[in-house]
Amino acid sequence: MREGRGARLRERVTFFPFLYFDEILYLIIMSDISREEMKAVIRRAIDEKGRMYVIAAMVEGSIGYHTPSHASRLVDDFLEGKEKCYCERAMACYHDDLITMMYWDVYVFNHMEATDRRDRIIEECKAIMAMDSETQELIGLMWPTMSV
C-alpha cells in the first residue's frame, strides 16, 4: 500500500477498537485507491471472469447476507452507473457505498488462495440462483456453516 493518508488512517484506527472490521477496512481501502480504480477492478472482473464470478464474490464476501439474486441486482445497479446501495450491509459497513462494497468483495475473492473453493462457491451460487427467494434467504442464513 502507498504511504501517506492510508498509513495515518491505520495509525488512527488503532485508537478506535469499537469499529467493526469492515469499517476499518473501509477506511484503509478508501484511502489507498481511487474510485475510478475500484470501478475498473469491478468492471474487469465482470468482463474477464463473468458476472457470476462477481455475484459469487458478493455472496461469499457477505457470508450469505446477499443472496445470488440480490447480488445480481447489485451488479445491475453497478452496470447502470449507480454508486449507492441501501441494503443493511452497505449502510452499516460501507456508508451506502456500492462501489467500495463490491470492490472489497471482488478484491478478497480474487486473492482467495484456494481456487477450487472459489469454483465451488461459483457453482453453489449458480444452483442457489435458480431457487425461489425464500429458499435463497434460508440458504443465506446457513451460508457461514455450509462449508462451501
Protein backbone atom coordinates (compact mmCIF):
# COMPACT_ATOMS: atom_id res chain seq x y z
CA MET A 1 0.00 0.00 0.00
CA ARG A 2 1.03 3.53 -0.58
CA GLU A 3 2.23 5.66 2.28
CA GLY A 4 0.51 8.88 3.23
CA ARG A 5 -3.10 9.19 4.21
CA GLY A 6 -3.59 5.41 4.45
CA ALA A 7 -0.71 5.00 6.88
CA ARG A 8 -2.07 7.82 9.03
CA LEU A 9 -5.54 6.23 9.00
CA ARG A 10 -4.13 2.85 10.01
CA GLU A 11 -2.44 4.52 12.96
CA ARG A 12 -5.66 6.29 13.97
CA VAL A 13 -7.74 3.14 13.62
CA THR A 14 -5.84 1.52 16.49
CA PHE A 15 -7.36 4.15 18.77
CA PHE A 16 -10.89 3.10 17.80
CA PRO A 17 -11.23 -0.54 18.85
CA PHE A 18 -15.02 -0.25 18.75
CA LEU A 19 -15.04 0.00 14.94
CA TYR A 20 -16.22 -3.08 13.08
CA PHE A 21 -13.63 -4.87 10.97
CA ASP A 22 -15.45 -3.87 7.74
CA GLU A 23 -15.36 -0.22 8.82
CA ILE A 24 -11.62 -0.41 9.44
CA LEU A 25 -11.11 -1.97 6.02
CA TYR A 26 -13.33 0.71 4.51
CA LEU A 27 -11.12 3.44 5.97
CA ILE A 28 -7.92 1.78 4.77
CA ILE A 29 -9.16 0.89 1.29
CA MET A 30 -10.78 4.26 0.65
CA SER A 31 -7.53 5.99 1.49
CA ASP A 32 -5.31 3.94 -0.82
CA ILE A 33 -7.26 3.57 -4.07
CA SER A 34 -9.31 5.94 -6.17
CA ARG A 35 -12.95 5.32 -7.03
CA GLU A 36 -12.04 5.02 -10.69
CA GLU A 37 -9.52 2.30 -9.85
CA MET A 38 -12.17 0.48 -7.80
CA LYS A 39 -14.67 0.67 -10.65
CA ALA A 40 -12.02 -0.61 -13.07
CA VAL A 41 -11.32 -3.65 -10.86
CA ILE A 42 -15.04 -4.49 -10.68
CA ARG A 43 -15.63 -3.93 -14.40
CA ARG A 44 -12.55 -6.03 -15.29
CA ALA A 45 -13.85 -8.87 -13.08
CA ILE A 46 -17.22 -8.75 -14.84
CA ASP A 47 -15.67 -8.58 -18.32
CA GLU A 48 -12.91 -11.15 -17.84
CA LYS A 49 -14.32 -13.60 -15.30
CA GLY A 50 -18.03 -13.17 -15.81
CA ARG A 51 -20.97 -11.77 -13.99
CA MET A 52 -21.42 -14.93 -11.92
CA TYR A 53 -17.89 -14.50 -10.54
CA VAL A 54 -18.82 -11.10 -9.08
CA ILE A 55 -22.14 -12.42 -7.79
CA ALA A 56 -20.34 -15.27 -6.02
CA ALA A 57 -17.77 -12.83 -4.65
CA MET A 58 -20.55 -10.74 -3.12
CA VAL A 59 -22.36 -13.74 -1.62
CA GLU A 60 -19.12 -15.04 -0.10
CA GLY A 61 -17.96 -11.57 0.96
CA SER A 62 -21.21 -11.01 2.82
CA ILE A 63 -21.11 -14.55 4.30
CA GLY A 64 -24.53 -15.19 2.81
CA TYR A 65 -26.18 -11.86 3.60
CA HIS A 66 -26.55 -11.21 -0.13
CA THR A 67 -28.47 -13.90 -1.94
CA PRO A 68 -27.34 -14.58 -5.51
CA SER A 69 -30.46 -12.81 -6.83
CA HIS A 70 -29.82 -9.76 -4.66
CA ALA A 71 -26.15 -9.69 -5.66
CA SER A 72 -27.24 -9.90 -9.30
CA ARG A 73 -29.43 -6.81 -8.82
CA LEU A 74 -26.48 -5.00 -7.25
CA VAL A 75 -24.32 -5.90 -10.25
CA ASP A 76 -27.09 -4.49 -12.47
CA ASP A 77 -27.07 -1.30 -10.38
CA PHE A 78 -23.30 -1.03 -10.81
CA LEU A 79 -23.55 -1.51 -14.57
CA GLU A 80 -26.24 1.20 -14.70
CA GLY A 81 -23.81 3.59 -13.02
CA LYS A 82 -25.35 3.67 -9.56
CA GLU A 83 -22.94 4.21 -6.68
CA LYS A 84 -25.24 3.99 -3.67
CA CYS A 85 -26.78 0.92 -2.09
CA TYR A 86 -29.25 0.96 0.76
CA CYS A 87 -29.18 -2.64 1.91
CA GLU A 88 -28.35 -3.16 5.57
CA ARG A 89 -24.78 -4.36 4.91
CA ALA A 90 -23.91 -1.41 2.69
CA MET A 91 -25.40 1.08 5.11
CA ALA A 92 -23.83 -0.42 8.24
CA CYS A 93 -20.37 -1.26 6.91
CA TYR A 94 -19.75 0.87 3.82
CA HIS A 95 -21.73 4.07 4.39
CA ASP A 96 -24.14 3.34 1.49
CA ASP A 97 -21.21 2.92 -0.92
CA LEU A 98 -21.95 0.22 -3.51
CA ILE A 99 -18.60 0.66 -5.27
CA THR A 100 -16.48 0.09 -2.16
CA MET A 101 -18.58 -2.86 -1.04
CA MET A 102 -18.32 -4.55 -4.43
CA TYR A 103 -14.63 -3.70 -4.75
CA TRP A 104 -13.79 -5.26 -1.40
CA ASP A 105 -15.76 -8.44 -2.18
CA VAL A 106 -14.07 -8.84 -5.56
CA TYR A 107 -10.65 -7.99 -4.12
CA VAL A 108 -10.88 -10.69 -1.44
CA PHE A 109 -12.36 -13.22 -3.88
CA ASN A 110 -9.53 -12.54 -6.34
CA HIS A 111 -6.96 -13.19 -3.62
CA MET A 112 -8.55 -16.33 -2.25
CA GLU A 113 -5.79 -18.93 -2.22
CA ALA A 114 -7.95 -21.99 -2.78
CA THR A 115 -9.14 -21.59 -6.37
CA ASP A 116 -11.06 -24.88 -6.14
CA ARG A 117 -13.05 -23.36 -3.26
CA ARG A 118 -13.73 -20.28 -5.37
CA ASP A 119 -15.01 -22.54 -8.17
CA ARG A 120 -17.26 -24.41 -5.70
CA ILE A 121 -18.69 -21.11 -4.46
CA ILE A 122 -19.49 -20.04 -8.03
CA GLU A 123 -21.20 -23.37 -8.74
CA GLU A 124 -23.18 -23.19 -5.48
CA CYS A 125 -24.32 -19.66 -6.33
CA LYS A 126 -25.47 -20.79 -9.79
CA ALA A 127 -27.54 -23.56 -8.22
CA ILE A 128 -28.95 -21.31 -5.50
CA MET A 129 -29.85 -18.58 -8.02
CA ALA A 130 -32.36 -20.94 -9.66
CA MET A 131 -34.27 -21.30 -6.38
CA ASP A 132 -37.10 -19.10 -5.12
CA SER A 133 -36.26 -16.06 -2.99
CA GLU A 134 -37.35 -17.58 0.34
CA THR A 135 -35.08 -20.60 -0.19
CA GLN A 136 -32.21 -18.32 -1.18
CA GLU A 137 -32.65 -16.35 2.05
CA LEU A 138 -32.76 -19.57 4.09
CA ILE A 139 -29.53 -20.78 2.47
CA GLY A 140 -28.01 -17.35 3.12
CA LEU A 141 -28.70 -17.82 6.83
CA MET A 142 -26.88 -21.16 6.71
CA TRP A 143 -24.00 -19.91 4.49
CA PRO A 144 -21.40 -19.46 7.25
CA THR A 145 -21.82 -23.09 8.35
CA MET A 146 -22.27 -24.73 4.94
CA SER A 147 -18.54 -25.42 4.38
CA VAL A 148 -18.66 -24.47 0.72
